[in-house]
Amino acid sequence: MVGRNVKSVRKGLETVGRKVGVEGVSAHVFRHTAAVHMAEAGIPMSEISQYLGHSNTVITERVHARYSPNHLRRAAEAVDFTKQ
C-alpha cells in the first residue's frame, strides 16, 4: 500500500510479484540479474565479487557468471569448425 513502511523486504517483493503476476521475485533474483549484466558488460569478476560483497570470486563465478549467455562463448567458438 502506498505510504506504508515495508517491514520485510522479502514479503514486500513477494507481494509486488504476486500483484503483477510474476512468481519467484526475491532480492537474490535482483542480485543475480545485476551480476549477470555486469559479467555481460565485461566487468572483471573481482569487481563484481566486491560489489556483491563476496569474500572472493569463486562464489561469484560459480553462482552468477555462468548464467551469462556469453559465458564460455570464446571457448565454444574455438571448437566451432563450421567457421573458416
PDB file of N, CA and C in Angstrom:
ATOM      1  N   MET A   1       0.834  -1.180   0.000  1.00  0.00           N
ATOM      2  CA  MET A   1       0.000   0.000   0.000  1.00  0.00           C
ATOM      3  C   MET A   1       0.880   1.244   0.000  1.00  0.00           C
ATOM      4  N   VAL A   2       0.450   2.231  -0.656  1.00  0.00           N
ATOM      5  CA  VAL A   2       1.198   3.464  -0.770  1.00  0.00           C
ATOM      6  C   VAL A   2       1.297   4.156   0.578  1.00  0.00           C
ATOM      7  N   GLY A   3       2.504   4.631   0.891  1.00  0.00           N
ATOM      8  CA  GLY A   3       2.691   5.399   2.109  1.00  0.00           C
ATOM      9  C   GLY A   3       2.971   4.594   3.357  1.00  0.00           C
ATOM     10  N   ARG A   4       3.046   3.271   3.251  1.00  0.00           N
ATOM     11  CA  ARG A   4       3.319   2.447   4.425  1.00  0.00           C
ATOM     12  C   ARG A   4       4.759   1.954   4.379  1.00  0.00           C
ATOM     13  N   ASN A   5       5.366   1.826   5.533  1.00  0.00           N
ATOM     14  CA  ASN A   5       6.717   1.298   5.628  1.00  0.00           C
ATOM     15  C   ASN A   5       6.717  -0.198   5.324  1.00  0.00           C
ATOM     16  N   VAL A   6       7.790  -0.644   4.708  1.00  0.00           N
ATOM     17  CA  VAL A   6       7.959  -2.068   4.436  1.00  0.00           C
ATOM     18  C   VAL A   6       8.669  -2.677   5.634  1.00  0.00           C
ATOM     19  N   LYS A   7       8.040  -3.628   6.280  1.00  0.00           N
ATOM     20  CA  LYS A   7       8.635  -4.274   7.444  1.00  0.00           C
ATOM     21  C   LYS A   7       9.559  -5.413   7.034  1.00  0.00           C
ATOM     22  N   SER A   8       9.282  -6.027   5.880  1.00  0.00           N
ATOM     23  CA  SER A   8      10.081  -7.150   5.401  1.00  0.00           C
ATOM     24  C   SER A   8      10.281  -7.005   3.898  1.00  0.00           C
ATOM     25  N   VAL A   9      11.531  -6.882   3.481  1.00  0.00           N
ATOM     26  CA  VAL A   9      11.829  -6.767   2.052  1.00  0.00           C
ATOM     27  C   VAL A   9      11.340  -8.017   1.327  1.00  0.00           C
ATOM     28  N   ARG A  10      11.590  -9.180   1.899  1.00  0.00           N
ATOM     29  CA  ARG A  10      11.178 -10.430   1.270  1.00  0.00           C
ATOM     30  C   ARG A  10       9.669 -10.450   1.029  1.00  0.00           C
ATOM     31  N   LYS A  11       8.903 -10.149   2.065  1.00  0.00           N
ATOM     32  CA  LYS A  11       7.451 -10.162   1.921  1.00  0.00           C
ATOM     33  C   LYS A  11       6.973  -9.069   0.978  1.00  0.00           C
ATOM     34  N   GLY A  12       7.638  -7.914   1.027  1.00  0.00           N
ATOM     35  CA  GLY A  12       7.273  -6.827   0.127  1.00  0.00           C
ATOM     36  C   GLY A  12       7.480  -7.208  -1.328  1.00  0.00           C
ATOM     37  N   LEU A  13       8.618  -7.841  -1.629  1.00  0.00           N
ATOM     38  CA  LEU A  13       8.883  -8.281  -3.001  1.00  0.00           C
ATOM     39  C   LEU A  13       7.908  -9.369  -3.433  1.00  0.00           C
ATOM     40  N   GLU A  14       7.590 -10.287  -2.531  1.00  0.00           N
ATOM     41  CA  GLU A  14       6.616 -11.337  -2.850  1.00  0.00           C
ATOM     42  C   GLU A  14       5.248 -10.732  -3.170  1.00  0.00           C
ATOM     43  N   THR A  15       4.860  -9.739  -2.389  1.00  0.00           N
ATOM     44  CA  THR A  15       3.568  -9.083  -2.596  1.00  0.00           C
ATOM     45  C   THR A  15       3.529  -8.381  -3.944  1.00  0.00           C
ATOM     46  N   VAL A  16       4.569  -7.622  -4.240  1.00  0.00           N
ATOM     47  CA  VAL A  16       4.632  -6.921  -5.524  1.00  0.00           C
ATOM     48  C   VAL A  16       4.626  -7.925  -6.668  1.00  0.00           C
ATOM     49  N   GLY A  17       5.413  -8.971  -6.554  1.00  0.00           N
ATOM     50  CA  GLY A  17       5.447 -10.005  -7.590  1.00  0.00           C
ATOM     51  C   GLY A  17       4.079 -10.623  -7.823  1.00  0.00           C
ATOM     52  N   ARG A  18       3.401 -10.937  -6.747  1.00  0.00           N
ATOM     53  CA  ARG A  18       2.071 -11.532  -6.846  1.00  0.00           C
ATOM     54  C   ARG A  18       1.091 -10.568  -7.526  1.00  0.00           C
ATOM     55  N   LYS A  19       1.176  -9.292  -7.169  1.00  0.00           N
ATOM     56  CA  LYS A  19       0.264  -8.294  -7.742  1.00  0.00           C
ATOM     57  C   LYS A  19       0.475  -8.100  -9.244  1.00  0.00           C
ATOM     58  N   VAL A  20       1.704  -8.272  -9.700  1.00  0.00           N
ATOM     59  CA  VAL A  20       1.964  -8.094 -11.140  1.00  0.00           C
ATOM     60  C   VAL A  20       2.005  -9.427 -11.880  1.00  0.00           C
ATOM     61  N   GLY A  21       1.756 -10.521 -11.160  1.00  0.00           N
ATOM     62  CA  GLY A  21       1.688 -11.830 -11.798  1.00  0.00           C
ATOM     63  C   GLY A  21       3.022 -12.471 -12.110  1.00  0.00           C
ATOM     64  N   VAL A  22       4.043 -12.144 -11.309  1.00  0.00           N
ATOM     65  CA  VAL A  22       5.374 -12.732 -11.507  1.00  0.00           C
ATOM     66  C   VAL A  22       5.738 -13.528 -10.263  1.00  0.00           C
ATOM     67  N   GLU A  23       6.014 -14.810 -10.466  1.00  0.00           N
ATOM     68  CA  GLU A  23       6.391 -15.677  -9.346  1.00  0.00           C
ATOM     69  C   GLU A  23       7.907 -15.641  -9.122  1.00  0.00           C
ATOM     70  N   GLY A  24       8.328 -15.913  -7.915  1.00  0.00           N
ATOM     71  CA  GLY A  24       9.741 -16.078  -7.613  1.00  0.00           C
ATOM     72  C   GLY A  24      10.544 -14.795  -7.506  1.00  0.00           C
ATOM     73  N   VAL A  25       9.902 -13.668  -7.272  1.00  0.00           N
ATOM     74  CA  VAL A  25      10.617 -12.406  -7.113  1.00  0.00           C
ATOM     75  C   VAL A  25      11.289 -12.408  -5.745  1.00  0.00           C
ATOM     76  N   SER A  26      12.599 -12.121  -5.735  1.00  0.00           N
ATOM     77  CA  SER A  26      13.329 -12.070  -4.468  1.00  0.00           C
ATOM     78  C   SER A  26      14.529 -11.149  -4.622  1.00  0.00           C
ATOM     79  N   ALA A  27      15.104 -10.768  -3.495  1.00  0.00           N
ATOM     80  CA  ALA A  27      16.307  -9.935  -3.525  1.00  0.00           C
ATOM     81  C   ALA A  27      17.427 -10.680  -4.247  1.00  0.00           C
ATOM     82  N   HIS A  28      17.492 -11.998  -4.068  1.00  0.00           N
ATOM     83  CA  HIS A  28      18.523 -12.792  -4.738  1.00  0.00           C
ATOM     84  C   HIS A  28      18.385 -12.690  -6.261  1.00  0.00           C
ATOM     85  N   VAL A  29      17.174 -12.661  -6.760  1.00  0.00           N
ATOM     86  CA  VAL A  29      16.956 -12.533  -8.204  1.00  0.00           C
ATOM     87  C   VAL A  29      17.545 -11.219  -8.701  1.00  0.00           C
ATOM     88  N   PHE A  30      17.357 -10.143  -7.949  1.00  0.00           N
ATOM     89  CA  PHE A  30      17.924  -8.854  -8.346  1.00  0.00           C
ATOM     90  C   PHE A  30      19.451  -8.887  -8.310  1.00  0.00           C
ATOM     91  N   ARG A  31      20.027  -9.501  -7.278  1.00  0.00           N
ATOM     92  CA  ARG A  31      21.491  -9.622  -7.188  1.00  0.00           C
ATOM     93  C   ARG A  31      22.026 -10.441  -8.357  1.00  0.00           C
ATOM     94  N   HIS A  32      21.364 -11.548  -8.622  1.00  0.00           N
ATOM     95  CA  HIS A  32      21.784 -12.430  -9.707  1.00  0.00           C
ATOM     96  C   HIS A  32      21.713 -11.693 -11.046  1.00  0.00           C
ATOM     97  N   THR A  33      20.617 -11.006 -11.281  1.00  0.00           N
ATOM     98  CA  THR A  33      20.449 -10.271 -12.529  1.00  0.00           C
ATOM     99  C   THR A  33      21.524  -9.200 -12.675  1.00  0.00           C
ATOM    100  N   ALA A  34      21.798  -8.475 -11.609  1.00  0.00           N
ATOM    101  CA  ALA A  34      22.845  -7.450 -11.652  1.00  0.00           C
ATOM    102  C   ALA A  34      24.197  -8.070 -11.987  1.00  0.00           C
ATOM    103  N   ALA A  35      24.528  -9.184 -11.357  1.00  0.00           N
ATOM    104  CA  ALA A  35      25.809  -9.847 -11.597  1.00  0.00           C
ATOM    105  C   ALA A  35      25.926 -10.328 -13.033  1.00  0.00           C
ATOM    106  N   VAL A  36      24.870 -10.896 -13.578  1.00  0.00           N
ATOM    107  CA  VAL A  36      24.893 -11.375 -14.962  1.00  0.00           C
ATOM    108  C   VAL A  36      25.077 -10.209 -15.922  1.00  0.00           C
ATOM    109  N   HIS A  37      24.382  -9.112 -15.683  1.00  0.00           N
ATOM    110  CA  HIS A  37      24.523  -7.938 -16.554  1.00  0.00           C
ATOM    111  C   HIS A  37      25.933  -7.354 -16.463  1.00  0.00           C
ATOM    112  N   MET A  38      26.500  -7.334 -15.272  1.00  0.00           N
ATOM    113  CA  MET A  38      27.878  -6.851 -15.125  1.00  0.00           C
ATOM    114  C   MET A  38      28.845  -7.752 -15.882  1.00  0.00           C
ATOM    115  N   ALA A  39      28.662  -9.068 -15.754  1.00  0.00           N
ATOM    116  CA  ALA A  39      29.530 -10.011 -16.471  1.00  0.00           C
ATOM    117  C   ALA A  39      29.396  -9.817 -17.974  1.00  0.00           C
ATOM    118  N   GLU A  40      28.184  -9.630 -18.452  1.00  0.00           N
ATOM    119  CA  GLU A  40      27.934  -9.385 -19.879  1.00  0.00           C
ATOM    120  C   GLU A  40      28.627  -8.120 -20.351  1.00  0.00           C
ATOM    121  N   ALA A  41      28.720  -7.125 -19.470  1.00  0.00           N
ATOM    122  CA  ALA A  41      29.339  -5.844 -19.817  1.00  0.00           C
ATOM    123  C   ALA A  41      30.859  -5.901 -19.732  1.00  0.00           C
ATOM    124  N   GLY A  42      31.381  -7.080 -19.346  1.00  0.00           N
ATOM    125  CA  GLY A  42      32.833  -7.235 -19.290  1.00  0.00           C
ATOM    126  C   GLY A  42      33.469  -6.758 -17.998  1.00  0.00           C
ATOM    127  N   ILE A  43      32.669  -6.549 -16.973  1.00  0.00           N
ATOM    128  CA  ILE A  43      33.212  -6.144 -15.677  1.00  0.00           C
ATOM    129  C   ILE A  43      33.993  -7.324 -15.107  1.00  0.00           C
ATOM    130  N   PRO A  44      35.222  -7.107 -14.650  1.00  0.00           N
ATOM    131  CA  PRO A  44      36.012  -8.211 -14.093  1.00  0.00           C
ATOM    132  C   PRO A  44      35.323  -8.873 -12.903  1.00  0.00           C
ATOM    133  N   MET A  45      35.500 -10.185 -12.780  1.00  0.00           N
ATOM    134  CA  MET A  45      34.893 -10.944 -11.681  1.00  0.00           C
ATOM    135  C   MET A  45      35.265 -10.360 -10.327  1.00  0.00           C
ATOM    136  N   SER A  46      36.485  -9.867 -10.190  1.00  0.00           N
ATOM    137  CA  SER A  46      36.900  -9.300  -8.898  1.00  0.00           C
ATOM    138  C   SER A  46      36.046  -8.102  -8.520  1.00  0.00           C
ATOM    139  N   GLU A  47      35.671  -7.270  -9.491  1.00  0.00           N
ATOM    140  CA  GLU A  47      34.828  -6.110  -9.206  1.00  0.00           C
ATOM    141  C   GLU A  47      33.386  -6.531  -8.906  1.00  0.00           C
ATOM    142  N   ILE A  48      32.884  -7.488  -9.676  1.00  0.00           N
ATOM    143  CA  ILE A  48      31.521  -7.982  -9.425  1.00  0.00           C
ATOM    144  C   ILE A  48      31.455  -8.591  -8.030  1.00  0.00           C
ATOM    145  N   SER A  49      32.459  -9.361  -7.682  1.00  0.00           N
ATOM    146  CA  SER A  49      32.523 -10.006  -6.373  1.00  0.00           C
ATOM    147  C   SER A  49      32.507  -8.974  -5.254  1.00  0.00           C
ATOM    148  N   GLN A  50      33.305  -7.933  -5.410  1.00  0.00           N
ATOM    149  CA  GLN A  50      33.332  -6.871  -4.399  1.00  0.00           C
ATOM    150  C   GLN A  50      31.984  -6.169  -4.316  1.00  0.00           C
ATOM    151  N   TYR A  51      31.386  -5.880  -5.449  1.00  0.00           N
ATOM    152  CA  TYR A  51      30.095  -5.196  -5.488  1.00  0.00           C
ATOM    153  C   TYR A  51      29.026  -5.993  -4.740  1.00  0.00           C
ATOM    154  N   LEU A  52      29.060  -7.312  -4.913  1.00  0.00           N
ATOM    155  CA  LEU A  52      28.079  -8.182  -4.264  1.00  0.00           C
ATOM    156  C   LEU A  52      28.425  -8.499  -2.812  1.00  0.00           C
ATOM    157  N   GLY A  53      29.641  -8.148  -2.403  1.00  0.00           N
ATOM    158  CA  GLY A  53      30.052  -8.410  -1.033  1.00  0.00           C
ATOM    159  C   GLY A  53      30.577  -9.807  -0.797  1.00  0.00           C
ATOM    160  N   HIS A  54      30.968 -10.495  -1.877  1.00  0.00           N
ATOM    161  CA  HIS A  54      31.538 -11.830  -1.723  1.00  0.00           C
ATOM    162  C   HIS A  54      32.978 -11.709  -1.243  1.00  0.00           C
ATOM    163  N   SER A  55      33.442 -12.687  -0.488  1.00  0.00           N
ATOM    164  CA  SER A  55      34.803 -12.633   0.045  1.00  0.00           C
ATOM    165  C   SER A  55      35.849 -12.989  -1.017  1.00  0.00           C
ATOM    166  N   ASN A  56      35.417 -13.686  -2.064  1.00  0.00           N
ATOM    167  CA  ASN A  56      36.323 -13.980  -3.181  1.00  0.00           C
ATOM    168  C   ASN A  56      35.502 -14.215  -4.445  1.00  0.00           C
ATOM    169  N   THR A  57      36.186 -14.398  -5.572  1.00  0.00           N
ATOM    170  CA  THR A  57      35.480 -14.504  -6.849  1.00  0.00           C
ATOM    171  C   THR A  57      34.910 -15.889  -7.111  1.00  0.00           C
ATOM    172  N   VAL A  58      35.290 -16.880  -6.349  1.00  0.00           N
ATOM    173  CA  VAL A  58      34.838 -18.249  -6.605  1.00  0.00           C
ATOM    174  C   VAL A  58      33.318 -18.340  -6.560  1.00  0.00           C
ATOM    175  N   ILE A  59      32.722 -17.806  -5.508  1.00  0.00           N
ATOM    176  CA  ILE A  59      31.266 -17.880  -5.391  1.00  0.00           C
ATOM    177  C   ILE A  59      30.599 -17.062  -6.489  1.00  0.00           C
ATOM    178  N   THR A  60      31.177 -15.929  -6.829  1.00  0.00           N
ATOM    179  CA  THR A  60      30.622 -15.088  -7.890  1.00  0.00           C
ATOM    180  C   THR A  60      30.601 -15.850  -9.204  1.00  0.00           C
ATOM    181  N   GLU A  61      31.706 -16.488  -9.536  1.00  0.00           N
ATOM    182  CA  GLU A  61      31.798 -17.247 -10.782  1.00  0.00           C
ATOM    183  C   GLU A  61      30.858 -18.440 -10.775  1.00  0.00           C
ATOM    184  N   ARG A  62      30.806 -19.153  -9.665  1.00  0.00           N
ATOM    185  CA  ARG A  62      30.003 -20.367  -9.585  1.00  0.00           C
ATOM    186  C   ARG A  62      28.503 -20.077  -9.642  1.00  0.00           C
ATOM    187  N   VAL A  63      28.073 -19.044  -8.949  1.00  0.00           N
ATOM    188  CA  VAL A  63      26.640 -18.794  -8.810  1.00  0.00           C
ATOM    189  C   VAL A  63      26.084 -17.866  -9.881  1.00  0.00           C
ATOM    190  N   HIS A  64      26.837 -16.863 -10.283  1.00  0.00           N
ATOM    191  CA  HIS A  64      26.267 -15.836 -11.138  1.00  0.00           C
ATOM    192  C   HIS A  64      26.781 -15.825 -12.573  1.00  0.00           C
ATOM    193  N   ALA A  65      28.072 -15.786 -12.756  1.00  0.00           N
ATOM    194  CA  ALA A  65      28.625 -15.549 -14.092  1.00  0.00           C
ATOM    195  C   ALA A  65      28.308 -16.660 -15.079  1.00  0.00           C
ATOM    196  N   ARG A  66      28.195 -17.866 -14.620  1.00  0.00           N
ATOM    197  CA  ARG A  66      27.974 -18.971 -15.555  1.00  0.00           C
ATOM    198  C   ARG A  66      26.620 -18.908 -16.247  1.00  0.00           C
ATOM    199  N   TYR A  67      25.717 -18.098 -15.724  1.00  0.00           N
ATOM    200  CA  TYR A  67      24.408 -17.963 -16.362  1.00  0.00           C
ATOM    201  C   TYR A  67      24.384 -16.902 -17.450  1.00  0.00           C
ATOM    202  N   SER A  68      25.471 -16.214 -17.600  1.00  0.00           N
ATOM    203  CA  SER A  68      25.571 -15.210 -18.653  1.00  0.00           C
ATOM    204  C   SER A  68      25.522 -15.902 -20.010  1.00  0.00           C
ATOM    205  N   PRO A  69      24.697 -15.407 -20.927  1.00  0.00           N
ATOM    206  CA  PRO A  69      24.610 -16.046 -22.251  1.00  0.00           C
ATOM    207  C   PRO A  69      25.945 -16.101 -22.991  1.00  0.00           C
ATOM    208  N   ASN A  70      26.844 -15.174 -22.685  1.00  0.00           N
ATOM    209  CA  ASN A  70      28.140 -15.173 -23.376  1.00  0.00           C
ATOM    210  C   ASN A  70      29.228 -15.928 -22.625  1.00  0.00           C
ATOM    211  N   HIS A  71      28.910 -16.453 -21.449  1.00  0.00           N
ATOM    212  CA  HIS A  71      29.898 -17.212 -20.688  1.00  0.00           C
ATOM    213  C   HIS A  71      30.357 -18.412 -21.514  1.00  0.00           C
ATOM    214  N   LEU A  72      31.622 -18.585 -21.660  1.00  0.00           N
ATOM    215  CA  LEU A  72      32.260 -19.665 -22.412  1.00  0.00           C
ATOM    216  C   LEU A  72      32.060 -19.550 -23.931  1.00  0.00           C
ATOM    217  N   ARG A  73      31.559 -18.408 -24.394  1.00  0.00           N
ATOM    218  CA  ARG A  73      31.366 -18.231 -25.837  1.00  0.00           C
ATOM    219  C   ARG A  73      32.689 -18.371 -26.599  1.00  0.00           C
ATOM    220  N   ARG A  74      33.754 -17.760 -26.089  1.00  0.00           N
ATOM    221  CA  ARG A  74      35.058 -17.869 -26.765  1.00  0.00           C
ATOM    222  C   ARG A  74      35.519 -19.316 -26.839  1.00  0.00           C
ATOM    223  N   ALA A  75      35.293 -20.071 -25.769  1.00  0.00           N
ATOM    224  CA  ALA A  75      35.679 -21.480 -25.763  1.00  0.00           C
ATOM    225  C   ALA A  75      34.889 -22.248 -26.811  1.00  0.00           C
ATOM    226  N   ALA A  76      33.598 -21.975 -26.912  1.00  0.00           N
ATOM    227  CA  ALA A  76      32.752 -22.656 -27.898  1.00  0.00           C
ATOM    228  C   ALA A  76      33.161 -22.281 -29.329  1.00  0.00           C
ATOM    229  N   GLU A  77      33.508 -21.012 -29.519  1.00  0.00           N
ATOM    230  CA  GLU A  77      33.923 -20.575 -30.854  1.00  0.00           C
ATOM    231  C   GLU A  77      35.239 -21.219 -31.290  1.00  0.00           C
ATOM    232  N   ALA A  78      36.093 -21.530 -30.316  1.00  0.00           N
ATOM    233  CA  ALA A  78      37.376 -22.153 -30.629  1.00  0.00           C
ATOM    234  C   ALA A  78      37.218 -23.534 -31.238  1.00  0.00           C
ATOM    235  N   VAL A  79      36.122 -24.214 -30.923  1.00  0.00           N
ATOM    236  CA  VAL A  79      35.889 -25.556 -31.472  1.00  0.00           C
ATOM    237  C   VAL A  79      34.754 -25.573 -32.477  1.00  0.00           C
ATOM    238  N   ASP A  80      34.344 -24.399 -32.930  1.00  0.00           N
ATOM    239  CA  ASP A  80      33.316 -24.292 -33.959  1.00  0.00           C
ATOM    240  C   ASP A  80      33.998 -24.427 -35.315  1.00  0.00           C
ATOM    241  N   PHE A  81      34.008 -25.616 -35.862  1.00  0.00           N
ATOM    242  CA  PHE A  81      34.722 -25.894 -37.096  1.00  0.00           C
ATOM    243  C   PHE A  81      33.920 -25.500 -38.335  1.00  0.00           C
ATOM    244  N   THR A  82      32.724 -24.956 -38.140  1.00  0.00           N
ATOM    245  CA  THR A  82      31.934 -24.506 -39.287  1.00  0.00           C
ATOM    246  C   THR A  82      32.411 -23.134 -39.754  1.00  0.00           C
ATOM    247  N   LYS A  83      33.147 -22.428 -38.905  1.00  0.00           N
ATOM    248  CA  LYS A  83      33.699 -21.114 -39.272  1.00  0.00           C
ATOM    249  C   LYS A  83      35.066 -21.306 -39.917  1.00  0.00           C
ATOM    250  N   GLN A  84      35.330 -20.532 -40.920  1.00  0.00           N
ATOM    251  CA  GLN A  84      36.611 -20.632 -41.617  1.00  0.00           C
ATOM    252  C   GLN A  84      37.633 -19.734 -40.999  1.00  0.00           C
TER     253      GLN A  84
END
